[in-house]
């Protein structure tokens, strides 16, 4: 996946990108990536932190503390192994990135900080879910932070850097990044729904549609329609891009290609990894058909 996201990275840059990806979703290769461990995500999705917001917040705080160290190497040998890996990646990014860009909200500080904070927000969101389910728009706003996509955009910008910071403050670039995040999380929720349905995951976008009373096919079609809207918005954002001169424009186009690569790599990985469909990978990819658990809306539709 990482080589598809940033095909022109140097050896050291590629290692840093892979280390970040492995921190989020470590793949232990067996046969075609069948056996997988997701050390960070799975602690919150299915592991010990799923129902423990206090411990979750403590881990998040440890991650954030490692990003406050002003380019000095602190001793984190007593920290959780995931914190150590996170800090190592952060130090390499900080060392390679100009100070002005480190302070820019568009570079690794903000998205990594945002993603690290978000599991605690999801824990709080789950507490709120006990009383009231959010709308699609409300959940989409939260999921944009928890999807773990914006840090990948920061890594795209890291190889190579866009030299003009103001680029990331333009409406069109912000819109391109928003669309990229939405594309990843929407396509992921479609593909992961069967797995997450069995686990009782409440924040899947397809699950929210079905909970609102949509039959299964209508729910999938609705999220598919949201994907089509993203494609439309993408081309509008591209048409709205300003020009910063030939040199910067070239850097911006490479960054945009990187955002596209993130979306495509995630889609390919979803099938190649076997995480969602196992041995049925190729069948699902060819037919586009999955089997879901029936709900009342499905039964009512079959009667009509």
C-alpha atoms as a PDB file:
ATOM      1  CA  UNK A   1       0.000   0.000   0.000  1.00  0.00           C
ATOM      2  CA  UNK A   2       2.753   2.457   0.961  1.00  0.00           C
ATOM      3  CA  UNK A   3       4.586   2.039  -2.356  1.00  0.00           C
ATOM      4  CA  UNK A   4       1.375   2.893  -4.209  1.00  0.00           C
ATOM      5  CA  UNK A   5       0.802   5.994  -2.092  1.00  0.00           C
ATOM      6  CA  UNK A   6       4.257   7.508  -2.619  1.00  0.00           C
ATOM      7  CA  UNK A   7       6.053   5.654  -5.428  1.00  0.00           C
ATOM      8  CA  UNK A   8       8.883   8.223  -5.671  1.00  0.00           C
ATOM      9  CA  UNK A   9       9.978   8.127  -2.019  1.00  0.00           C
ATOM     10  CA  UNK A  10      13.625   7.619  -1.145  1.00  0.00           C
ATOM     11  CA  UNK A  11      14.646   4.537   0.857  1.00  0.00           C
ATOM     12  CA  UNK A  12      14.630   6.451   4.169  1.00  0.00           C
ATOM     13  CA  UNK A  13      11.371   8.235   3.376  1.00  0.00           C
ATOM     14  CA  UNK A  14       9.751   4.956   2.373  1.00  0.00           C
ATOM     15  CA  UNK A  15      10.880   3.340   5.630  1.00  0.00           C
ATOM     16  CA  UNK A  16       9.326   6.186   7.627  1.00  0.00           C
ATOM     17  CA  UNK A  17       6.061   5.890   5.715  1.00  0.00           C
ATOM     18  CA  UNK A  18       5.999   2.107   6.186  1.00  0.00           C
ATOM     19  CA  UNK A  19       6.705   2.477   9.901  1.00  0.00           C
ATOM     20  CA  UNK A  20       3.746   4.828  10.227  1.00  0.00           C
ATOM     21  CA  UNK A  21       1.512   2.454   8.286  1.00  0.00           C
ATOM     22  CA  UNK A  22       2.667  -0.494  10.370  1.00  0.00           C
ATOM     23  CA  UNK A  23       1.973   1.463  13.554  1.00  0.00           C
ATOM     24  CA  UNK A  24      -1.643   1.862  12.480  1.00  0.00           C
ATOM     25  CA  UNK A  25      -2.114  -1.500  10.785  1.00  0.00           C
ATOM     26  CA  UNK A  26       0.754  -3.945  11.120  1.00  0.00           C
ATOM     27  CA  UNK A  27       0.558  -6.774   8.595  1.00  0.00           C
ATOM     28  CA  UNK A  28       2.258 -10.014   9.615  1.00  0.00           C
ATOM     29  CA  UNK A  29       2.645 -11.799   6.306  1.00  0.00           C
ATOM     30  CA  UNK A  30       1.520 -15.384   6.046  1.00  0.00           C
ATOM     31  CA  UNK A  31      -0.165 -16.281   2.764  1.00  0.00           C
ATOM     32  CA  UNK A  32      -1.313 -13.188   0.855  1.00  0.00           C
ATOM     33  CA  UNK A  33      -1.466 -11.135   4.055  1.00  0.00           C
ATOM     34  CA  UNK A  34      -4.126 -13.403   5.633  1.00  0.00           C
ATOM     35  CA  UNK A  35      -2.977 -13.007   9.232  1.00  0.00           C
ATOM     36  CA  UNK A  36      -3.114  -9.413  10.382  1.00  0.00           C
ATOM     37  CA  UNK A  37      -2.618  -7.444  13.549  1.00  0.00           C
ATOM     38  CA  UNK A  38      -3.774  -3.831  13.812  1.00  0.00           C
ATOM     39  CA  UNK A  39      -1.917  -2.756  16.956  1.00  0.00           C
ATOM     40  CA  UNK A  40      -3.322   0.761  17.340  1.00  0.00           C
ATOM     41  CA  UNK A  41      -6.763   0.548  15.760  1.00  0.00           C
ATOM     42  CA  UNK A  42      -7.707  -2.844  17.162  1.00  0.00           C
ATOM     43  CA  UNK A  43      -7.125  -1.760  20.743  1.00  0.00           C
ATOM     44  CA  UNK A  44      -9.960   0.719  20.275  1.00  0.00           C
ATOM     45  CA  UNK A  45     -12.115  -1.308  17.880  1.00  0.00           C
ATOM     46  CA  UNK A  46     -12.045  -4.748  19.468  1.00  0.00           C
ATOM     47  CA  UNK A  47      -9.428  -4.727  22.227  1.00  0.00           C
ATOM     48  CA  UNK A  48      -9.075  -3.732  25.837  1.00  0.00           C
ATOM     49  CA  UNK A  49      -9.572  -0.013  25.216  1.00  0.00           C
ATOM     50  CA  UNK A  50     -12.900  -0.440  23.423  1.00  0.00           C
ATOM     51  CA  UNK A  51     -14.868   0.037  26.653  1.00  0.00           C
ATOM     52  CA  UNK A  52     -12.207   1.788  28.734  1.00  0.00           C
ATOM     53  CA  UNK A  53     -12.194   5.529  27.919  1.00  0.00           C
ATOM     54  CA  UNK A  54      -9.863   6.329  30.836  1.00  0.00           C
ATOM     55  CA  UNK A  55      -7.067   4.026  29.643  1.00  0.00           C
ATOM     56  CA  UNK A  56      -7.732   5.128  26.071  1.00  0.00           C
ATOM     57  CA  UNK A  57      -7.231   8.765  27.050  1.00  0.00           C
ATOM     58  CA  UNK A  58      -4.004   7.908  28.879  1.00  0.00           C
ATOM     59  CA  UNK A  59      -2.578   6.266  25.762  1.00  0.00           C
ATOM     60  CA  UNK A  60      -3.648   9.227  23.631  1.00  0.00           C
ATOM     61  CA  UNK A  61      -1.989  11.622  26.089  1.00  0.00           C
ATOM     62  CA  UNK A  62       1.259   9.633  25.851  1.00  0.00           C
ATOM     63  CA  UNK A  63       1.177   9.918  22.075  1.00  0.00           C
ATOM     64  CA  UNK A  64       0.580  13.660  22.211  1.00  0.00           C
ATOM     65  CA  UNK A  65       3.351  14.187  24.760  1.00  0.00           C
ATOM     66  CA  UNK A  66       5.863  12.709  22.336  1.00  0.00           C
ATOM     67  CA  UNK A  67       4.991  15.431  19.835  1.00  0.00           C
ATOM     68  CA  UNK A  68       5.655  18.295  22.237  1.00  0.00           C
ATOM     69  CA  UNK A  69       9.382  17.575  22.549  1.00  0.00           C
ATOM     70  CA  UNK A  70      11.140  20.432  20.726  1.00  0.00           C
ATOM     71  CA  UNK A  71      13.205  18.261  18.364  1.00  0.00           C
ATOM     72  CA  UNK A  72      15.162  16.739  21.244  1.00  0.00           C
ATOM     73  CA  UNK A  73      15.451  12.996  21.783  1.00  0.00           C
ATOM     74  CA  UNK A  74      13.797  12.089  25.064  1.00  0.00           C
ATOM     75  CA  UNK A  75      14.002   8.714  26.802  1.00  0.00           C
ATOM     76  CA  UNK A  76      10.769   6.857  26.129  1.00  0.00           C
ATOM     77  CA  UNK A  77      12.053   3.364  26.944  1.00  0.00           C
ATOM     78  CA  UNK A  78       9.403   2.984  29.629  1.00  0.00           C
ATOM     79  CA  UNK A  79       6.576   3.891  27.274  1.00  0.00           C
ATOM     80  CA  UNK A  80       4.158   1.512  25.559  1.00  0.00           C
ATOM     81  CA  UNK A  81       5.827   0.000  22.436  1.00  0.00           C
ATOM     82  CA  UNK A  82       3.265   1.729  20.219  1.00  0.00           C
ATOM     83  CA  UNK A  83       4.196   5.064  21.771  1.00  0.00           C
ATOM     84  CA  UNK A  84       7.874   4.354  21.086  1.00  0.00           C
ATOM     85  CA  UNK A  85       7.195   3.626  17.403  1.00  0.00           C
ATOM     86  CA  UNK A  86       4.972   6.704  17.107  1.00  0.00           C
ATOM     87  CA  UNK A  87       7.675   8.893  18.673  1.00  0.00           C
ATOM     88  CA  UNK A  88      10.333   7.462  16.361  1.00  0.00           C
ATOM     89  CA  UNK A  89       8.294   8.315  13.271  1.00  0.00           C
ATOM     90  CA  UNK A  90       7.523  11.771  14.621  1.00  0.00           C
ATOM     91  CA  UNK A  91      11.206  12.549  15.280  1.00  0.00           C
ATOM     92  CA  UNK A  92      12.174  11.559  11.758  1.00  0.00           C
ATOM     93  CA  UNK A  93       9.460  13.781  10.319  1.00  0.00           C
ATOM     94  CA  UNK A  94      10.449  16.686  12.559  1.00  0.00           C
ATOM     95  CA  UNK A  95      14.121  16.320  11.656  1.00  0.00           C
ATOM     96  CA  UNK A  96      13.416  16.275   7.920  1.00  0.00           C
ATOM     97  CA  UNK A  97      10.835  19.059   7.887  1.00  0.00           C
ATOM     98  CA  UNK A  98      11.627  22.798   8.090  1.00  0.00           C
ATOM     99  CA  UNK A  99      10.513  24.468  11.325  1.00  0.00           C
ATOM    100  CA  UNK A 100       8.096  26.750   9.487  1.00  0.00           C
ATOM    101  CA  UNK A 101       6.362  23.770   7.975  1.00  0.00           C
ATOM    102  CA  UNK A 102       6.252  21.930  11.306  1.00  0.00           C
ATOM    103  CA  UNK A 103       4.272  24.852  12.661  1.00  0.00           C
ATOM    104  CA  UNK A 104       1.967  24.896   9.652  1.00  0.00           C
ATOM    105  CA  UNK A 105      -1.420  23.371  10.483  1.00  0.00           C
ATOM    106  CA  UNK A 106      -1.347  21.520   7.183  1.00  0.00           C
ATOM    107  CA  UNK A 107       1.753  19.468   7.958  1.00  0.00           C
ATOM    108  CA  UNK A 108       2.249  16.396  10.156  1.00  0.00           C
ATOM    109  CA  UNK A 109       1.576  18.039  13.535  1.00  0.00           C
ATOM    110  CA  UNK A 110      -2.091  18.772  12.992  1.00  0.00           C
ATOM    111  CA  UNK A 111      -3.316  15.608  11.268  1.00  0.00           C
ATOM    112  CA  UNK A 112      -1.269  13.249  13.440  1.00  0.00           C
ATOM    113  CA  UNK A 113      -2.306  15.140  16.546  1.00  0.00           C
ATOM    114  CA  UNK A 114      -5.921  15.071  15.378  1.00  0.00           C
ATOM    115  CA  UNK A 115      -5.856  11.330  14.645  1.00  0.00           C
ATOM    116  CA  UNK A 116      -4.174  10.540  17.963  1.00  0.00           C
ATOM    117  CA  UNK A 117      -6.778  12.517  19.871  1.00  0.00           C
ATOM    118  CA  UNK A 118      -9.729  11.024  18.091  1.00  0.00           C
ATOM    119  CA  UNK A 119     -10.019   7.603  19.780  1.00  0.00           C
ATOM    120  CA  UNK A 120     -10.907   9.366  23.006  1.00  0.00           C
ATOM    121  CA  UNK A 121     -13.524  11.375  21.101  1.00  0.00           C
ATOM    122  CA  UNK A 122     -14.907   8.131  19.705  1.00  0.00           C
ATOM    123  CA  UNK A 123     -15.087   6.707  23.232  1.00  0.00           C
ATOM    124  CA  UNK A 124     -17.076   9.753  24.286  1.00  0.00           C
ATOM    125  CA  UNK A 125     -19.152   9.397  21.145  1.00  0.00           C
ATOM    126  CA  UNK A 126     -19.934   5.787  22.040  1.00  0.00           C
ATOM    127  CA  UNK A 127     -21.120   6.930  25.452  1.00  0.00           C
ATOM    128  CA  UNK A 128     -23.422   9.398  23.700  1.00  0.00           C
ATOM    129  CA  UNK A 129     -24.558   6.660  21.342  1.00  0.00           C
ATOM    130  CA  UNK A 130     -25.989   4.776  24.314  1.00  0.00           C
ATOM    131  CA  UNK A 131     -28.712   7.403  24.500  1.00  0.00           C
ATOM    132  CA  UNK A 132     -29.039   8.722  20.964  1.00  0.00           C
ATOM    133  CA  UNK A 133     -27.686   7.697  17.580  1.00  0.00           C
ATOM    134  CA  UNK A 134     -26.072  10.429  15.440  1.00  0.00           C
ATOM    135  CA  UNK A 135     -27.167  11.372  11.957  1.00  0.00           C
ATOM    136  CA  UNK A 136     -25.041  10.478   8.946  1.00  0.00           C
ATOM    137  CA  UNK A 137     -23.666  14.025   8.763  1.00  0.00           C
ATOM    138  CA  UNK A 138     -22.795  14.049  12.470  1.00  0.00           C
ATOM    139  CA  UNK A 139     -21.005  10.724  12.250  1.00  0.00           C
ATOM    140  CA  UNK A 140     -19.235  11.718   9.044  1.00  0.00           C
ATOM    141  CA  UNK A 141     -17.800  14.785  10.797  1.00  0.00           C
ATOM    142  CA  UNK A 142     -16.414  12.618  13.606  1.00  0.00           C
ATOM    143  CA  UNK A 143     -15.190   9.897  11.296  1.00  0.00           C
ATOM    144  CA  UNK A 144     -13.182  12.379   9.233  1.00  0.00           C
ATOM    145  CA  UNK A 145     -10.968  12.729  12.286  1.00  0.00           C
ATOM    146  CA  UNK A 146     -10.814   9.055  13.247  1.00  0.00           C
ATOM    147  CA  UNK A 147     -10.312   7.529   9.794  1.00  0.00           C
ATOM    148  CA  UNK A 148      -6.521   7.962   9.986  1.00  0.00           C
ATOM    149  CA  UNK A 149      -6.343   9.414   6.473  1.00  0.00           C
ATOM    150  CA  UNK A 150      -5.142  12.964   7.118  1.00  0.00           C
ATOM    151  CA  UNK A 151      -1.787  11.765   8.548  1.00  0.00           C
ATOM    152  CA  UNK A 152      -1.226   9.962   5.245  1.00  0.00           C
ATOM    153  CA  UNK A 153      -1.736  13.247   3.420  1.00  0.00           C
ATOM    154  CA  UNK A 154       0.923  14.756   5.674  1.00  0.00           C
ATOM    155  CA  UNK A 155       3.283  11.963   4.635  1.00  0.00           C
ATOM    156  CA  UNK A 156       2.409  12.597   0.983  1.00  0.00           C
ATOM    157  CA  UNK A 157       3.408  16.241   1.535  1.00  0.00           C
ATOM    158  CA  UNK A 158       6.596  15.064   3.268  1.00  0.00           C
ATOM    159  CA  UNK A 159       7.768  13.360   0.024  1.00  0.00           C
ATOM    160  CA  UNK A 160       8.399  15.815  -1.557  1.00  0.00           C
ATOM    161  CA  UNK A 161       7.478  18.924   0.385  1.00  0.00           C
ATOM    162  CA  UNK A 162       5.276  21.630  -1.065  1.00  0.00           C
ATOM    163  CA  UNK A 163       7.444  24.692  -0.576  1.00  0.00           C
ATOM    164  CA  UNK A 164       4.688  27.298  -0.242  1.00  0.00           C
ATOM    165  CA  UNK A 165       2.751  26.881   3.012  1.00  0.00           C
ATOM    166  CA  UNK A 166      -0.140  29.086   1.891  1.00  0.00           C
ATOM    167  CA  UNK A 167      -1.145  26.389  -0.615  1.00  0.00           C
ATOM    168  CA  UNK A 168      -2.756  24.398   2.183  1.00  0.00           C
ATOM    169  CA  UNK A 169      -4.903  27.321   3.279  1.00  0.00           C
ATOM    170  CA  UNK A 170      -6.738  27.574  -0.043  1.00  0.00           C
ATOM    171  CA  UNK A 171     -10.338  26.410  -0.174  1.00  0.00           C
ATOM    172  CA  UNK A 172      -9.768  24.062  -3.100  1.00  0.00           C
ATOM    173  CA  UNK A 173      -6.893  22.173  -1.432  1.00  0.00           C
ATOM    174  CA  UNK A 174      -8.863  21.842   1.801  1.00  0.00           C
ATOM    175  CA  UNK A 175     -11.796  20.536  -0.231  1.00  0.00           C
ATOM    176  CA  UNK A 176      -9.582  18.026  -2.054  1.00  0.00           C
ATOM    177  CA  UNK A 177      -8.314  16.735   1.287  1.00  0.00           C
ATOM    178  CA  UNK A 178     -11.857  16.540   2.689  1.00  0.00           C
ATOM    179  CA  UNK A 179     -13.036  14.593  -0.352  1.00  0.00           C
ATOM    180  CA  UNK A 180     -10.054  12.241  -0.135  1.00  0.00           C
ATOM    181  CA  UNK A 181     -10.890  11.453   3.488  1.00  0.00           C
ATOM    182  CA  UNK A 182     -14.575  10.928   2.686  1.00  0.00           C
ATOM    183  CA  UNK A 183     -13.773   8.609  -0.215  1.00  0.00           C
ATOM    184  CA  UNK A 184     -11.552   6.421   1.954  1.00  0.00           C
ATOM    185  CA  UNK A 185     -13.937   6.146   4.879  1.00  0.00           C
ATOM    186  CA  UNK A 186     -17.069   5.633   2.742  1.00  0.00           C
ATOM    187  CA  UNK A 187     -15.538   2.926   0.560  1.00  0.00           C
ATOM    188  CA  UNK A 188     -14.036   1.340   3.662  1.00  0.00           C
ATOM    189  CA  UNK A 189     -17.401   1.270   5.439  1.00  0.00           C
ATOM    190  CA  UNK A 190     -19.016  -0.431   2.447  1.00  0.00           C
ATOM    191  CA  UNK A 191     -16.304  -3.092   2.335  1.00  0.00           C
ATOM    192  CA  UNK A 192     -15.970  -3.570   6.097  1.00  0.00           C
ATOM    193  CA  UNK A 193     -19.693  -3.643   6.869  1.00  0.00           C
ATOM    194  CA  UNK A 194     -20.132  -7.436   6.985  1.00  0.00           C
ATOM    195  CA  UNK A 195     -17.199  -7.827   9.378  1.00  0.00           C
ATOM    196  CA  UNK A 196     -18.248  -4.893  11.542  1.00  0.00           C
ATOM    197  CA  UNK A 197     -21.889  -6.004  11.581  1.00  0.00           C
ATOM    198  CA  UNK A 198     -20.827  -9.214  13.327  1.00  0.00           C
ATOM    199  CA  UNK A 199     -18.833  -7.160  15.838  1.00  0.00           C
ATOM    200  CA  UNK A 200     -21.707  -4.788  16.591  1.00  0.00           C
ATOM    201  CA  UNK A 201     -19.866  -1.694  15.325  1.00  0.00           C
ATOM    202  CA  UNK A 202     -22.293   1.223  15.613  1.00  0.00           C
ATOM    203  CA  UNK A 203     -20.392   3.921  13.720  1.00  0.00           C
ATOM    204  CA  UNK A 204     -20.261   2.230  10.293  1.00  0.00           C
ATOM    205  CA  UNK A 205     -22.078   4.466   7.803  1.00  0.00           C
ATOM    206  CA  UNK A 206     -24.008   1.565   6.259  1.00  0.00           C
ATOM    207  CA  UNK A 207     -25.058   0.488   9.749  1.00  0.00           C
ATOM    208  CA  UNK A 208     -26.387   3.982  10.466  1.00  0.00           C
ATOM    209  CA  UNK A 209     -28.504   3.870   7.305  1.00  0.00           C
ATOM    210  CA  UNK A 210     -29.930   0.473   8.201  1.00  0.00           C
ATOM    211  CA  UNK A 211     -30.581   1.584  11.765  1.00  0.00           C
ATOM    212  CA  UNK A 212     -32.561   4.502  10.320  1.00  0.00           C
ATOM    213  CA  UNK A 213     -34.888   2.014   8.634  1.00  0.00           C
ATOM    214  CA  UNK A 214     -33.324   1.499   5.208  1.00  0.00           C
ATOM    215  CA  UNK A 215     -33.341  -2.033   3.749  1.00  0.00           C
ATOM    216  CA  UNK A 216     -29.841  -3.424   3.213  1.00  0.00           C
ATOM    217  CA  UNK A 217     -29.597  -2.730  -0.532  1.00  0.00           C
ATOM    218  CA  UNK A 218     -30.964   0.773  -0.094  1.00  0.00           C
ATOM    219  CA  UNK A 219     -28.386   1.455   2.631  1.00  0.00           C
ATOM    220  CA  UNK A 220     -25.495   0.328   0.426  1.00  0.00           C
ATOM    221  CA  UNK A 221     -26.901   2.317  -2.506  1.00  0.00           C
ATOM    222  CA  UNK A 222     -27.200   5.422  -0.332  1.00  0.00           C
ATOM    223  CA  UNK A 223     -23.538   5.276   0.699  1.00  0.00           C
ATOM    224  CA  UNK A 224     -22.657   4.551  -2.933  1.00  0.00           C
ATOM    225  CA  UNK A 225     -24.514   7.729  -3.876  1.00  0.00           C
ATOM    226  CA  UNK A 226     -22.417   9.642  -1.358  1.00  0.00           C
ATOM    227  CA  UNK A 227     -19.307   8.282  -3.095  1.00  0.00           C
ATOM    228  CA  UNK A 228     -20.590   9.522  -6.460  1.00  0.00           C
ATOM    229  CA  UNK A 229     -21.149  12.961  -4.925  1.00  0.00           C
ATOM    230  CA  UNK A 230     -17.532  12.941  -3.770  1.00  0.00           C
ATOM    231  CA  UNK A 231     -16.341  12.291  -7.332  1.00  0.00           C
ATOM    232  CA  UNK A 232     -18.419  15.236  -8.552  1.00  0.00           C
ATOM    233  CA  UNK A 233     -17.052  17.497  -5.802  1.00  0.00           C
ATOM    234  CA  UNK A 234     -13.493  16.393  -6.631  1.00  0.00           C
ATOM    235  CA  UNK A 235     -13.655  17.722 -10.181  1.00  0.00           C
ATOM    236  CA  UNK A 236     -15.227  20.962  -9.011  1.00  0.00           C
ATOM    237  CA  UNK A 237     -12.364  21.421  -6.537  1.00  0.00           C
ATOM    238  CA  UNK A 238      -9.775  20.754  -9.251  1.00  0.00           C
ATOM    239  CA  UNK A 239     -11.429  23.326 -11.500  1.00  0.00           C
ATOM    240  CA  UNK A 240     -11.232  25.864  -8.667  1.00  0.00           C
ATOM    241  CA  UNK A 241      -7.479  25.489  -8.102  1.00  0.00           C
ATOM    242  CA  UNK A 242      -5.531  28.762  -8.265  1.00  0.00           C
ATOM    243  CA  UNK A 243      -2.064  29.020  -9.783  1.00  0.00           C
ATOM    244  CA  UNK A 244       1.079  29.731  -7.764  1.00  0.00           C
ATOM    245  CA  UNK A 245       3.498  29.650 -10.685  1.00  0.00           C
ATOM    246  CA  UNK A 246       4.958  26.732 -12.616  1.00  0.00           C
ATOM    247  CA  UNK A 247       7.263  25.385  -9.900  1.00  0.00           C
ATOM    248  CA  UNK A 248       4.732  25.387  -7.053  1.00  0.00           C
ATOM    249  CA  UNK A 249       1.929  24.233  -9.363  1.00  0.00           C
ATOM    250  CA  UNK A 250       4.009  21.156 -10.189  1.00  0.00           C
ATOM    251  CA  UNK A 251       4.454  20.410  -6.474  1.00  0.00           C
ATOM    252  CA  UNK A 252       0.726  20.859  -5.878  1.00  0.00           C
ATOM    253  CA  UNK A 253      -0.171  18.482  -8.708  1.00  0.00           C
ATOM    254  CA  UNK A 254       2.160  15.877  -7.243  1.00  0.00           C
ATOM    255  CA  UNK A 255       0.508  16.334  -3.847  1.00  0.00           C
ATOM    256  CA  UNK A 256      -2.953  15.897  -5.397  1.00  0.00           C
ATOM    257  CA  UNK A 257      -1.776  12.712  -7.110  1.00  0.00           C
ATOM    258  CA  UNK A 258      -0.627  11.544  -3.693  1.00  0.00           C
ATOM    259  CA  UNK A 259      -4.108  12.122  -2.269  1.00  0.00           C
ATOM    260  CA  UNK A 260      -5.539  10.089  -5.162  1.00  0.00           C
ATOM    261  CA  UNK A 261      -2.997   7.354  -4.497  1.00  0.00           C
ATOM    262  CA  UNK A 262      -4.078   7.144  -0.850  1.00  0.00           C
ATOM    263  CA  UNK A 263      -7.678   6.543  -1.933  1.00  0.00           C
ATOM    264  CA  UNK A 264      -6.743   3.924  -4.536  1.00  0.00           C
ATOM    265  CA  UNK A 265      -4.230   2.149  -2.301  1.00  0.00           C
ATOM    266  CA  UNK A 266      -6.790   1.802   0.479  1.00  0.00           C
ATOM    267  CA  UNK A 267      -9.273   0.248  -1.937  1.00  0.00           C
ATOM    268  CA  UNK A 268      -6.754  -2.272  -3.288  1.00  0.00           C
ATOM    269  CA  UNK A 269      -5.534  -3.106   0.207  1.00  0.00           C
ATOM    270  CA  UNK A 270      -9.085  -3.823   1.399  1.00  0.00           C
ATOM    271  CA  UNK A 271      -9.258  -6.773  -0.984  1.00  0.00           C
ATOM    272  CA  UNK A 272      -5.646  -7.904  -1.010  1.00  0.00           C
ATOM    273  CA  UNK A 273      -5.342  -8.037   2.778  1.00  0.00           C
ATOM    274  CA  UNK A 274      -8.213 -10.469   3.275  1.00  0.00           C
ATOM    275  CA  UNK A 275      -9.268  -8.558   6.383  1.00  0.00           C
ATOM    276  CA  UNK A 276     -12.890  -8.172   5.348  1.00  0.00           C
ATOM    277  CA  UNK A 277     -13.740 -11.127   3.092  1.00  0.00           C
ATOM    278  CA  UNK A 278     -11.062 -13.755   3.743  1.00  0.00           C
ATOM    279  CA  UNK A 279     -11.165 -16.544   1.174  1.00  0.00           C
ATOM    280  CA  UNK A 280     -14.144 -14.883  -0.548  1.00  0.00           C
ATOM    281  CA  UNK A 281     -12.031 -11.892  -1.643  1.00  0.00           C
ATOM    282  CA  UNK A 282     -12.030 -12.568  -5.376  1.00  0.00           C
ATOM    283  CA  UNK A 283     -15.662 -13.649  -5.478  1.00  0.00           C
ATOM    284  CA  UNK A 284     -16.810 -10.440  -3.784  1.00  0.00           C
ATOM    285  CA  UNK A 285     -14.554  -8.349  -5.988  1.00  0.00           C
ATOM    286  CA  UNK A 286     -15.956  -9.926  -9.170  1.00  0.00           C
ATOM    287  CA  UNK A 287     -19.634 -10.085  -8.218  1.00  0.00           C
ATOM    288  CA  UNK A 288     -20.024  -7.141  -5.833  1.00  0.00           C
ATOM    289  CA  UNK A 289     -22.366  -9.334  -3.769  1.00  0.00           C
ATOM    290  CA  UNK A 290     -22.181  -9.820   0.004  1.00  0.00           C
ATOM    291  CA  UNK A 291     -24.523 -11.462   2.503  1.00  0.00           C
ATOM    292  CA  UNK A 292     -25.701  -9.408   5.469  1.00  0.00           C
ATOM    293  CA  UNK A 293     -27.814 -10.219   8.489  1.00  0.00           C
ATOM    294  CA  UNK A 294     -31.541  -9.544   7.905  1.00  0.00           C
ATOM    295  CA  UNK A 295     -33.251  -6.716   9.767  1.00  0.00           C
ATOM    296  CA  UNK A 296     -36.901  -5.726  10.042  1.00  0.00           C
ATOM    297  CA  UNK A 297     -36.739  -3.316   7.079  1.00  0.00           C
ATOM    298  CA  UNK A 298     -35.492  -6.143   4.841  1.00  0.00           C
ATOM    299  CA  UNK A 299     -38.351  -8.384   5.914  1.00  0.00           C
ATOM    300  CA  UNK A 300     -40.925  -5.641   5.337  1.00  0.00           C
ATOM    301  CA  UNK A 301     -39.521  -4.955   1.851  1.00  0.00           C
ATOM    302  CA  UNK A 302     -39.674  -8.646   0.894  1.00  0.00           C
ATOM    303  CA  UNK A 303     -43.363  -8.760   1.845  1.00  0.00           C
ATOM    304  CA  UNK A 304     -44.300  -5.791  -0.378  1.00  0.00           C
END
